[in-house]
PDB file of N, CA and C in Angstrom:
ATOM      1  N   MET A   1      20.814  33.873-124.320  1.00  0.00           N
ATOM      2  CA  MET A   1      22.078  34.390-123.841  1.00  0.00           C
ATOM      3  C   MET A   1      21.845  34.951-122.437  1.00  0.00           C
ATOM      4  N   GLN A   2      22.635  34.448-121.483  1.00  0.00           N
ATOM      5  CA  GLN A   2      22.470  34.882-120.107  1.00  0.00           C
ATOM      6  C   GLN A   2      23.802  35.350-119.549  1.00  0.00           C
ATOM      7  N   ASP A   3      23.742  36.422-118.783  1.00  0.00           N
ATOM      8  CA  ASP A   3      24.927  36.966-118.132  1.00  0.00           C
ATOM      9  C   ASP A   3      24.646  37.108-116.642  1.00  0.00           C
ATOM     10  N   PHE A   4      25.645  36.749-115.844  1.00  0.00           N
ATOM     11  CA  PHE A   4      25.560  36.901-114.401  1.00  0.00           C
ATOM     12  C   PHE A   4      26.852  37.546-113.922  1.00  0.00           C
ATOM     13  N   THR A   5      26.790  38.213-112.785  1.00  0.00           N
ATOM     14  CA  THR A   5      27.992  38.731-112.135  1.00  0.00           C
ATOM     15  C   THR A   5      28.080  38.080-110.763  1.00  0.00           C
ATOM     16  N   VAL A   6      29.186  37.385-110.537  1.00  0.00           N
ATOM     17  CA  VAL A   6      29.392  36.660-109.287  1.00  0.00           C
ATOM     18  C   VAL A   6      30.675  37.167-108.652  1.00  0.00           C
ATOM     19  N   ASN A   7      30.547  37.823-107.503  1.00  0.00           N
ATOM     20  CA  ASN A   7      31.720  38.363-106.781  1.00  0.00           C
ATOM     21  C   ASN A   7      32.627  39.181-107.691  1.00  0.00           C
ATOM     22  N   GLY A   8      32.030  40.022-108.528  1.00  0.00           N
ATOM     23  CA  GLY A   8      32.801  40.887-109.418  1.00  0.00           C
ATOM     24  C   GLY A   8      33.277  40.233-110.695  1.00  0.00           C
ATOM     25  N   VAL A   9      32.956  38.955-110.887  1.00  0.00           N
ATOM     26  CA  VAL A   9      33.365  38.224-112.093  1.00  0.00           C
ATOM     27  C   VAL A   9      32.157  38.123-113.025  1.00  0.00           C
ATOM     28  N   SER A  10      32.315  38.555-114.269  1.00  0.00           N
ATOM     29  CA  SER A  10      31.247  38.471-115.256  1.00  0.00           C
ATOM     30  C   SER A  10      31.234  37.069-115.868  1.00  0.00           C
ATOM     31  N   VAL A  11      30.063  36.410-115.815  1.00  0.00           N
ATOM     32  CA  VAL A  11      29.913  35.054-116.368  1.00  0.00           C
ATOM     33  C   VAL A  11      28.910  35.137-117.513  1.00  0.00           C
ATOM     34  N   HIS A  12      29.361  34.765-118.713  1.00  0.00           N
ATOM     35  CA  HIS A  12      28.522  34.828-119.917  1.00  0.00           C
ATOM     36  C   HIS A  12      28.283  33.408-120.432  1.00  0.00           C
ATOM     37  N   PHE A  13      27.015  33.047-120.580  1.00  0.00           N
ATOM     38  CA  PHE A  13      26.647  31.748-121.138  1.00  0.00           C
ATOM     39  C   PHE A  13      26.280  31.933-122.606  1.00  0.00           C
ATOM     40  N   ASP A  14      26.784  31.046-123.466  1.00  0.00           N
ATOM     41  CA  ASP A  14      26.493  31.058-124.896  1.00  0.00           C
ATOM     42  C   ASP A  14      24.985  30.957-125.125  1.00  0.00           C
ATOM     43  N   GLU A  15      24.514  31.476-126.261  1.00  0.00           N
ATOM     44  CA  GLU A  15      23.076  31.439-126.542  1.00  0.00           C
ATOM     45  C   GLU A  15      22.510  30.023-126.645  1.00  0.00           C
ATOM     46  N   SER A  16      23.354  29.012-126.869  1.00  0.00           N
ATOM     47  CA  SER A  16      22.872  27.630-126.929  1.00  0.00           C
ATOM     48  C   SER A  16      22.556  27.069-125.540  1.00  0.00           C
ATOM     49  N   ILE A  17      22.986  27.756-124.488  1.00  0.00           N
ATOM     50  CA  ILE A  17      22.673  27.353-123.110  1.00  0.00           C
ATOM     51  C   ILE A  17      21.556  28.265-122.627  1.00  0.00           C
ATOM     52  N   THR A  18      20.345  27.743-122.616  1.00  0.00           N
ATOM     53  CA  THR A  18      19.189  28.580-122.304  1.00  0.00           C
ATOM     54  C   THR A  18      18.695  28.451-120.874  1.00  0.00           C
ATOM     55  N   ASP A  19      19.192  27.459-120.138  1.00  0.00           N
ATOM     56  CA  ASP A  19      18.675  27.211-118.791  1.00  0.00           C
ATOM     57  C   ASP A  19      19.705  27.443-117.691  1.00  0.00           C
ATOM     58  N   ALA A  20      20.660  28.322-117.933  1.00  0.00           N
ATOM     59  CA  ALA A  20      21.706  28.588-116.938  1.00  0.00           C
ATOM     60  C   ALA A  20      21.113  29.342-115.752  1.00  0.00           C
ATOM     61  N   SER A  21      21.651  29.066-114.577  1.00  0.00           N
ATOM     62  CA  SER A  21      21.181  29.734-113.363  1.00  0.00           C
ATOM     63  C   SER A  21      22.337  30.463-112.705  1.00  0.00           C
ATOM     64  N   GLU A  22      22.000  31.325-111.761  1.00  0.00           N
ATOM     65  CA  GLU A  22      23.041  32.039-111.029  1.00  0.00           C
ATOM     66  C   GLU A  22      23.883  31.067-110.196  1.00  0.00           C
ATOM     67  N   GLY A  23      23.262  30.011-109.700  1.00  0.00           N
ATOM     68  CA  GLY A  23      24.000  28.990-108.955  1.00  0.00           C
ATOM     69  C   GLY A  23      25.026  28.295-109.827  1.00  0.00           C
ATOM     70  N   GLU A  24      24.662  28.040-111.085  1.00  0.00           N
ATOM     71  CA  GLU A  24      25.608  27.431-112.025  1.00  0.00           C
ATOM     72  C   GLU A  24      26.761  28.383-112.309  1.00  0.00           C
ATOM     73  N   ALA A  25      26.443  29.663-112.449  1.00  0.00           N
ATOM     74  CA  ALA A  25      27.497  30.664-112.669  1.00  0.00           C
ATOM     75  C   ALA A  25      28.461  30.686-111.483  1.00  0.00           C
ATOM     76  N   LYS A  26      27.920  30.630-110.260  1.00  0.00           N
ATOM     77  CA  LYS A  26      28.760  30.588-109.054  1.00  0.00           C
ATOM     78  C   LYS A  26      29.664  29.357-109.068  1.00  0.00           C
ATOM     79  N   SER A  27      29.124  28.223-109.536  1.00  0.00           N
ATOM     80  CA  SER A  27      29.921  26.993-109.598  1.00  0.00           C
ATOM     81  C   SER A  27      31.100  27.135-110.553  1.00  0.00           C
ATOM     82  N   TYR A  28      30.874  27.775-111.706  1.00  0.00           N
ATOM     83  CA  TYR A  28      31.967  27.971-112.660  1.00  0.00           C
ATOM     84  C   TYR A  28      33.033  28.913-112.091  1.00  0.00           C
ATOM     85  N   VAL A  29      32.600  29.958-111.397  1.00  0.00           N
ATOM     86  CA  VAL A  29      33.566  30.879-110.782  1.00  0.00           C
ATOM     87  C   VAL A  29      34.391  30.143-109.735  1.00  0.00           C
ATOM     88  N   GLU A  30      33.754  29.355-108.888  1.00  0.00           N
ATOM     89  CA  GLU A  30      34.480  28.584-107.869  1.00  0.00           C
ATOM     90  C   GLU A  30      35.435  27.582-108.514  1.00  0.00           C
ATOM     91  N   TYR A  31      34.982  26.913-109.575  1.00  0.00           N
ATOM     92  CA  TYR A  31      35.824  25.931-110.259  1.00  0.00           C
ATOM     93  C   TYR A  31      37.096  26.581-110.801  1.00  0.00           C
ATOM     94  N   VAL A  32      36.928  27.698-111.500  1.00  0.00           N
ATOM     95  CA  VAL A  32      38.102  28.373-112.083  1.00  0.00           C
ATOM     96  C   VAL A  32      39.004  28.902-110.979  1.00  0.00           C
ATOM     97  N   LYS A  33      38.425  29.511-109.947  1.00  0.00           N
ATOM     98  CA  LYS A  33      39.244  30.057-108.858  1.00  0.00           C
ATOM     99  C   LYS A  33      39.998  28.966-108.110  1.00  0.00           C
ATOM    100  N   ASN A  34      39.438  27.773-108.009  1.00  0.00           N
ATOM    101  CA  ASN A  34      40.104  26.677-107.308  1.00  0.00           C
ATOM    102  C   ASN A  34      41.147  25.966-108.163  1.00  0.00           C
ATOM    103  N   ASN A  35      41.129  26.179-109.486  1.00  0.00           N
ATOM    104  CA  ASN A  35      42.017  25.430-110.374  1.00  0.00           C
ATOM    105  C   ASN A  35      43.049  26.277-111.106  1.00  0.00           C
ATOM    106  N   ILE A  36      43.108  27.572-110.844  1.00  0.00           N
ATOM    107  CA  ILE A  36      44.165  28.400-111.440  1.00  0.00           C
ATOM    108  C   ILE A  36      44.866  29.159-110.328  1.00  0.00           C
ATOM    109  N   LEU A  37      46.132  29.455-110.547  1.00  0.00           N
ATOM    110  CA  LEU A  37      46.915  30.143-109.520  1.00  0.00           C
ATOM    111  C   LEU A  37      46.594  31.629-109.447  1.00  0.00           C
ATOM    112  N   ALA A  38      46.140  32.206-110.551  1.00  0.00           N
ATOM    113  CA  ALA A  38      45.900  33.649-110.612  1.00  0.00           C
ATOM    114  C   ALA A  38      44.436  33.986-110.319  1.00  0.00           C
ATOM    115  N   ALA A  39      43.791  33.239-109.437  1.00  0.00           N
ATOM    116  CA  ALA A  39      42.370  33.415-109.158  1.00  0.00           C
ATOM    117  C   ALA A  39      41.977  34.847-108.774  1.00  0.00           C
ATOM    118  N   PRO A  40      42.771  35.575-107.987  1.00  0.00           N
ATOM    119  CA  PRO A  40      42.353  36.942-107.643  1.00  0.00           C
ATOM    120  C   PRO A  40      42.266  37.870-108.854  1.00  0.00           C
ATOM    121  N   LEU A  41      42.889  37.497-109.959  1.00  0.00           N
ATOM    122  CA  LEU A  41      42.888  38.338-111.150  1.00  0.00           C
ATOM    123  C   LEU A  41      41.758  37.986-112.111  1.00  0.00           C
ATOM    124  N   LEU A  42      40.877  37.078-111.751  1.00  0.00           N
ATOM    125  CA  LEU A  42      39.807  36.619-112.627  1.00  0.00           C
ATOM    126  C   LEU A  42      38.858  37.771-112.948  1.00  0.00           C
ATOM    127  N   ARG A  43      38.657  38.026-114.242  1.00  0.00           N
ATOM    128  CA  ARG A  43      37.807  39.123-114.688  1.00  0.00           C
ATOM    129  C   ARG A  43      36.489  38.627-115.273  1.00  0.00           C
ATOM    130  N   SER A  44      36.551  37.608-116.164  1.00  0.00           N
ATOM    131  CA  SER A  44      35.326  37.136-116.805  1.00  0.00           C
ATOM    132  C   SER A  44      35.451  35.673-117.207  1.00  0.00           C
ATOM    133  N   ILE A  45      34.286  35.027-117.370  1.00  0.00           N
ATOM    134  CA  ILE A  45      34.214  33.637-117.788  1.00  0.00           C
ATOM    135  C   ILE A  45      33.168  33.536-118.891  1.00  0.00           C
ATOM    136  N   ASP A  46      33.513  32.834-119.973  1.00  0.00           N
ATOM    137  CA  ASP A  46      32.572  32.535-121.047  1.00  0.00           C
ATOM    138  C   ASP A  46      32.354  31.027-121.079  1.00  0.00           C
ATOM    139  N   VAL A  47      31.086  30.603-121.084  1.00  0.00           N
ATOM    140  CA  VAL A  47      30.748  29.185-121.097  1.00  0.00           C
ATOM    141  C   VAL A  47      30.045  28.883-122.423  1.00  0.00           C
ATOM    142  N   THR A  48      30.617  27.919-123.193  1.00  0.00           N
ATOM    143  CA  THR A  48      30.082  27.561-124.503  1.00  0.00           C
ATOM    144  C   THR A  48      29.803  26.065-124.539  1.00  0.00           C
ATOM    145  N   LEU A  49      28.627  25.690-125.034  1.00  0.00           N
ATOM    146  CA  LEU A  49      28.242  24.286-125.149  1.00  0.00           C
ATOM    147  C   LEU A  49      28.931  23.660-126.357  1.00  0.00           C
ATOM    148  N   CYS A  50      29.519  22.476-126.165  1.00  0.00           N
ATOM    149  CA  CYS A  50      30.200  21.750-127.238  1.00  0.00           C
ATOM    150  C   CYS A  50      29.275  20.683-127.815  1.00  0.00           C
ATOM    151  N   ASP A  51      29.665  20.124-128.948  1.00  0.00           N
ATOM    152  CA  ASP A  51      28.862  19.097-129.607  1.00  0.00           C
ATOM    153  C   ASP A  51      28.743  17.815-128.779  1.00  0.00           C
ATOM    154  N   ASP A  52      29.738  17.533-127.935  1.00  0.00           N
ATOM    155  CA  ASP A  52      29.724  16.295-127.151  1.00  0.00           C
ATOM    156  C   ASP A  52      28.961  16.424-125.829  1.00  0.00           C
ATOM    157  N   GLY A  53      28.302  17.568-125.617  1.00  0.00           N
ATOM    158  CA  GLY A  53      27.522  17.760-124.399  1.00  0.00           C
ATOM    159  C   GLY A  53      28.299  18.389-123.259  1.00  0.00           C
ATOM    160  N   LEU A  54      29.614  18.471-123.393  1.00  0.00           N
ATOM    161  CA  LEU A  54      30.434  19.144-122.397  1.00  0.00           C
ATOM    162  C   LEU A  54      30.478  20.635-122.722  1.00  0.00           C
ATOM    163  N   VAL A  55      31.135  21.415-121.885  1.00  0.00           N
ATOM    164  CA  VAL A  55      31.244  22.849-122.136  1.00  0.00           C
ATOM    165  C   VAL A  55      32.702  23.261-122.186  1.00  0.00           C
ATOM    166  N   ASP A  56      32.973  24.304-122.941  1.00  0.00           N
ATOM    167  CA  ASP A  56      34.271  24.970-122.922  1.00  0.00           C
ATOM    168  C   ASP A  56      34.143  26.172-122.008  1.00  0.00           C
ATOM    169  N   VAL A  57      35.061  26.311-121.080  1.00  0.00           N
ATOM    170  CA  VAL A  57      35.082  27.444-120.168  1.00  0.00           C
ATOM    171  C   VAL A  57      36.319  28.268-120.506  1.00  0.00           C
ATOM    172  N   THR A  58      36.098  29.481-120.964  1.00  0.00           N
ATOM    173  CA  THR A  58      37.192  30.387-121.297  1.00  0.00           C
ATOM    174  C   THR A  58      37.188  31.511-120.270  1.00  0.00           C
ATOM    175  N   TYR A  59      38.343  31.790-119.689  1.00  0.00           N
ATOM    176  CA  TYR A  59      38.378  32.863-118.703  1.00  0.00           C
ATOM    177  C   TYR A  59      39.434  33.887-119.078  1.00  0.00           C
ATOM    178  N   LYS A  60      39.208  35.106-118.633  1.00  0.00           N
ATOM    179  CA  LYS A  60      40.156  36.204-118.858  1.00  0.00           C
ATOM    180  C   LYS A  60      40.562  36.766-117.502  1.00  0.00           C
ATOM    181  N   LEU A  61      41.824  37.155-117.431  1.00  0.00           N
ATOM    182  CA  LEU A  61      42.375  37.699-116.197  1.00  0.00           C
ATOM    183  C   LEU A  61      42.662  39.182-116.364  1.00  0.00           C
ATOM    184  N   ASP A  62      42.637  39.919-115.255  1.00  0.00           N
ATOM    185  CA  ASP A  62      43.040  41.315-115.282  1.00  0.00           C
ATOM    186  C   ASP A  62      44.535  41.406-115.548  1.00  0.00           C
ATOM    187  N   THR A  63      44.935  42.493-116.147  1.00  0.00           N
ATOM    188  CA  THR A  63      46.360  42.706-116.374  1.00  0.00           C
ATOM    189  C   THR A  63      46.998  43.199-115.072  1.00  0.00           C
ATOM    190  N   VAL A  64      48.256  42.905-114.917  1.00  0.00           N
ATOM    191  CA  VAL A  64      48.998  43.309-113.738  1.00  0.00           C
ATOM    192  C   VAL A  64      50.144  44.206-114.177  1.00  0.00           C
ATOM    193  N   LYS A  65      50.215  45.386-113.589  1.00  0.00           N
ATOM    194  CA  LYS A  65      51.326  46.286-113.912  1.00  0.00           C
ATOM    195  C   LYS A  65      52.529  45.907-113.055  1.00  0.00           C
ATOM    196  N   PHE A  66      53.675  45.934-113.685  1.00  0.00           N
ATOM    197  CA  PHE A  66      54.885  45.626-112.955  1.00  0.00           C
ATOM    198  C   PHE A  66      56.021  46.454-113.541  1.00  0.00           C
ATOM    199  N   GLU A  67      57.039  46.647-112.741  1.00  0.00           N
ATOM    200  CA  GLU A  67      58.214  47.378-113.208  1.00  0.00           C
ATOM    201  C   GLU A  67      59.219  46.369-113.724  1.00  0.00           C
ATOM    202  N   ARG A  68      59.624  46.566-114.929  1.00  0.00           N
ATOM    203  CA  ARG A  68      60.596  45.670-115.538  1.00  0.00           C
ATOM    204  C   ARG A  68      61.982  45.989-115.000  1.00  0.00           C
ATOM    205  N   ILE A  69      62.675  44.960-114.570  1.00  0.00           N
ATOM    206  CA  ILE A  69      64.038  45.135-114.071  1.00  0.00           C
ATOM    207  C   ILE A  69      64.981  44.406-115.013  1.00  0.00           C
ATOM    208  N   ARG A  70      66.026  45.097-115.451  1.00  0.00           N
ATOM    209  CA  ARG A  70      66.997  44.527-116.379  1.00  0.00           C
ATOM    210  C   ARG A  70      68.339  44.388-115.665  1.00  0.00           C
ATOM    211  N   ARG A  71      69.067  43.400-116.063  1.00  0.00           N
ATOM    212  CA  ARG A  71      70.432  43.259-115.560  1.00  0.00           C
ATOM    213  C   ARG A  71      71.355  43.580-116.718  1.00  0.00           C
ATOM    214  N   ILE A  72      71.916  44.760-116.682  1.00  0.00           N
ATOM    215  CA  ILE A  72      72.792  45.218-117.760  1.00  0.00           C
ATOM    216  C   ILE A  72      74.110  45.650-117.124  1.00  0.00           C
ATOM    217  N   THR A  73      75.176  45.152-117.663  1.00  0.00           N
ATOM    218  CA  THR A  73      76.547  45.415-117.189  1.00  0.00           C
ATOM    219  C   THR A  73      76.684  45.185-115.685  1.00  0.00           C
ATOM    220  N   GLY A  74      75.972  44.162-115.184  1.00  0.00           N
ATOM    221  CA  GLY A  74      76.136  43.779-113.800  1.00  0.00           C
ATOM    222  C   GLY A  74      75.253  44.518-112.820  1.00  0.00           C
ATOM    223  N   TYR A  75      74.427  45.449-113.272  1.00  0.00           N
ATOM    224  CA  TYR A  75      73.572  46.225-112.377  1.00  0.00           C
ATOM    225  C   TYR A  75      72.107  45.902-112.645  1.00  0.00           C
ATOM    226  N   LEU A  76      71.293  45.859-111.592  1.00  0.00           N
ATOM    227  CA  LEU A  76      69.853  45.712-111.750  1.00  0.00           C
ATOM    228  C   LEU A  76      69.264  47.100-111.913  1.00  0.00           C
ATOM    229  N   VAL A  77      68.545  47.298-113.013  1.00  0.00           N
ATOM    230  CA  VAL A  77      68.049  48.619-113.352  1.00  0.00           C
ATOM    231  C   VAL A  77      66.557  48.530-113.656  1.00  0.00           C
ATOM    232  N   GLY A  78      65.753  49.403-113.049  1.00  0.00           N
ATOM    233  CA  GLY A  78      64.324  49.430-113.336  1.00  0.00           C
ATOM    234  C   GLY A  78      63.992  50.407-114.433  1.00  0.00           C
ATOM    235  N   SER A  79      64.494  51.621-114.348  1.00  0.00           N
ATOM    236  CA  SER A  79      64.191  52.670-115.315  1.00  0.00           C
ATOM    237  C   SER A  79      65.473  53.078-116.028  1.00  0.00           C
ATOM    238  N   LEU A  80      65.331  53.391-117.298  1.00  0.00           N
ATOM    239  CA  LEU A  80      66.502  53.785-118.081  1.00  0.00           C
ATOM    240  C   LEU A  80      66.603  55.289-118.258  1.00  0.00           C
ATOM    241  N   ASP A  81      65.744  56.055-117.607  1.00  0.00           N
ATOM    242  CA  ASP A  81      65.698  57.490-117.849  1.00  0.00           C
ATOM    243  C   ASP A  81      66.944  58.238-117.374  1.00  0.00           C
ATOM    244  N   ARG A  82      67.732  57.648-116.511  1.00  0.00           N
ATOM    245  CA  ARG A  82      68.951  58.318-116.033  1.00  0.00           C
ATOM    246  C   ARG A  82      70.191  57.888-116.809  1.00  0.00           C
ATOM    247  N   TRP A  83      70.011  57.044-117.818  1.00  0.00           N
ATOM    248  CA  TRP A  83      71.143  56.592-118.619  1.00  0.00           C
ATOM    249  C   TRP A  83      71.490  57.635-119.678  1.00  0.00           C
ATOM    250  N   ASN A  84      72.766  57.652-120.075  1.00  0.00           N
ATOM    251  CA  ASN A  84      73.154  58.565-121.147  1.00  0.00           C
ATOM    252  C   ASN A  84      72.671  58.011-122.492  1.00  0.00           C
ATOM    253  N   ASP A  85      72.772  58.817-123.541  1.00  0.00           N
ATOM    254  CA  ASP A  85      72.234  58.460-124.854  1.00  0.00           C
ATOM    255  C   ASP A  85      72.829  57.167-125.409  1.00  0.00           C
ATOM    256  N   SER A  86      74.126  56.960-125.245  1.00  0.00           N
ATOM    257  CA  SER A  86      74.749  55.773-125.830  1.00  0.00           C
ATOM    258  C   SER A  86      74.295  54.499-125.106  1.00  0.00           C
ATOM    259  N   LYS A  87      74.121  54.559-123.773  1.00  0.00           N
ATOM    260  CA  LYS A  87      73.635  53.389-123.036  1.00  0.00           C
ATOM    261  C   LYS A  87      72.182  53.087-123.415  1.00  0.00           C
ATOM    262  N   GLN A  88      71.357  54.119-123.585  1.00  0.00           N
ATOM    263  CA  GLN A  88      69.971  53.906-124.003  1.00  0.00           C
ATOM    264  C   GLN A  88      69.914  53.308-125.403  1.00  0.00           C
ATOM    265  N   ALA A  89      70.800  53.749-126.293  1.00  0.00           N
ATOM    266  CA  ALA A  89      70.847  53.198-127.654  1.00  0.00           C
ATOM    267  C   ALA A  89      71.288  51.737-127.615  1.00  0.00           C
ATOM    268  N   GLU A  90      72.235  51.410-126.749  1.00  0.00           N
ATOM    269  CA  GLU A  90      72.686  50.022-126.616  1.00  0.00           C
ATOM    270  C   GLU A  90      71.534  49.127-126.172  1.00  0.00           C
ATOM    271  N   GLU A  91      70.750  49.582-125.202  1.00  0.00           N
ATOM    272  CA  GLU A  91      69.621  48.791-124.731  1.00  0.00           C
ATOM    273  C   GLU A  91      68.553  48.664-125.813  1.00  0.00           C
ATOM    274  N   ARG A  92      68.291  49.737-126.543  1.00  0.00           N
ATOM    275  CA  ARG A  92      67.277  49.742-127.603  1.00  0.00           C
ATOM    276  C   ARG A  92      67.644  48.784-128.735  1.00  0.00           C
ATOM    277  N   ASP A  93      68.944  48.615-129.020  1.00  0.00           N
ATOM    278  CA  ASP A  93      69.408  47.775-130.119  1.00  0.00           C
ATOM    279  C   ASP A  93      69.475  46.291-129.751  1.00  0.00           C
ATOM    280  N   ARG A  94      69.293  45.963-128.489  1.00  0.00           N
ATOM    281  CA  ARG A  94      69.360  44.560-128.072  1.00  0.00           C
ATOM    282  C   ARG A  94      68.173  43.770-128.598  1.00  0.00           C
ATOM    283  N   ILE A  95      68.359  42.478-128.781  1.00  0.00           N
ATOM    284  CA  ILE A  95      67.281  41.596-129.221  1.00  0.00           C
ATOM    285  C   ILE A  95      66.397  41.286-128.026  1.00  0.00           C
ATOM    286  N   LYS A  96      65.098  41.473-128.188  1.00  0.00           N
ATOM    287  CA  LYS A  96      64.142  41.185-127.122  1.00  0.00           C
ATOM    288  C   LYS A  96      63.667  39.739-127.286  1.00  0.00           C
ATOM    289  N   HIS A  97      63.652  38.974-126.208  1.00  0.00           N
ATOM    290  CA  HIS A  97      63.316  37.557-126.255  1.00  0.00           C
ATOM    291  C   HIS A  97      61.943  37.224-125.699  1.00  0.00           C
ATOM    292  N   ALA A  98      61.134  38.217-125.350  1.00  0.00           N
ATOM    293  CA  ALA A  98      59.800  37.956-124.816  1.00  0.00           C
ATOM    294  C   ALA A  98      58.842  39.018-125.320  1.00  0.00           C
ATOM    295  N   ASN A  99      57.569  38.637-125.448  1.00  0.00           N
ATOM    296  CA  ASN A  99      56.532  39.564-125.866  1.00  0.00           C
ATOM    297  C   ASN A  99      55.472  39.586-124.775  1.00  0.00           C
ATOM    298  N   PHE A 100      55.383  40.694-124.046  1.00  0.00           N
ATOM    299  CA  PHE A 100      54.433  40.806-122.952  1.00  0.00           C
ATOM    300  C   PHE A 100      53.208  41.623-123.326  1.00  0.00           C
ATOM    301  N   ASP A 101      53.019  41.919-124.613  1.00  0.00           N
ATOM    302  CA  ASP A 101      51.930  42.781-125.040  1.00  0.00           C
ATOM    303  C   ASP A 101      50.630  42.044-125.293  1.00  0.00           C
ATOM    304  N   ASN A 102      50.639  40.709-125.434  1.00  0.00           N
ATOM    305  CA  ASN A 102      49.433  39.959-125.765  1.00  0.00           C
ATOM    306  C   ASN A 102      48.651  39.626-124.509  1.00  0.00           C
ATOM    307  N   GLU A 103      47.311  39.748-124.598  1.00  0.00           N
ATOM    308  CA  GLU A 103      46.450  39.384-123.473  1.00  0.00           C
ATOM    309  C   GLU A 103      46.315  37.875-123.414  1.00  0.00           C
ATOM    310  N   GLU A 104      46.454  37.352-122.243  1.00  0.00           N
ATOM    311  CA  GLU A 104      46.397  35.900-122.041  1.00  0.00           C
ATOM    312  C   GLU A 104      44.943  35.442-121.985  1.00  0.00           C
ATOM    313  N   GLU A 105      44.591  34.427-122.758  1.00  0.00           N
ATOM    314  CA  GLU A 105      43.263  33.822-122.694  1.00  0.00           C
ATOM    315  C   GLU A 105      43.449  32.313-122.620  1.00  0.00           C
ATOM    316  N   THR A 106      42.720  31.697-121.707  1.00  0.00           N
ATOM    317  CA  THR A 106      42.917  30.271-121.469  1.00  0.00           C
ATOM    318  C   THR A 106      41.589  29.534-121.579  1.00  0.00           C
ATOM    319  N   ASN A 107      41.617  28.342-122.163  1.00  0.00           N
ATOM    320  CA  ASN A 107      40.425  27.512-122.305  1.00  0.00           C
ATOM    321  C   ASN A 107      40.536  26.275-121.429  1.00  0.00           C
ATOM    322  N   ILE A 108      39.397  25.866-120.865  1.00  0.00           N
ATOM    323  CA  ILE A 108      39.298  24.619-120.106  1.00  0.00           C
ATOM    324  C   ILE A 108      38.143  23.840-120.714  1.00  0.00           C
ATOM    325  N   HIS A 109      38.343  22.576-121.004  1.00  0.00           N
ATOM    326  CA  HIS A 109      37.265  21.732-121.537  1.00  0.00           C
ATOM    327  C   HIS A 109      36.835  20.796-120.424  1.00  0.00           C
ATOM    328  N   VAL A 110      35.599  21.004-119.896  1.00  0.00           N
ATOM    329  CA  VAL A 110      35.113  20.164-118.788  1.00  0.00           C
ATOM    330  C   VAL A 110      33.829  19.463-119.178  1.00  0.00           C
TER     331      VAL A 110
END
């Protein structure tokens, strides 16, 4: 099991890969950064050897904080803290159509 840090990105090679080098780790970081749009958010890469001789590259991105803006009754609103109780209850009772709580993990088979 080998771990390298390349430009702040942690690269972990599975224990079945015993001959990994820092140059190889740099290549995986460059590959992922060149092939995903969120490259500046790259946090870590895991490299696992597959049965067919290829590798699975799994990467994780840093989370990004953002202010949620809602369009309610024709107004764009970021925070609900200035709303009265009935308006806050109306917003709370609405059906939510997205789940932003799960961490995104993506696999690449190369």
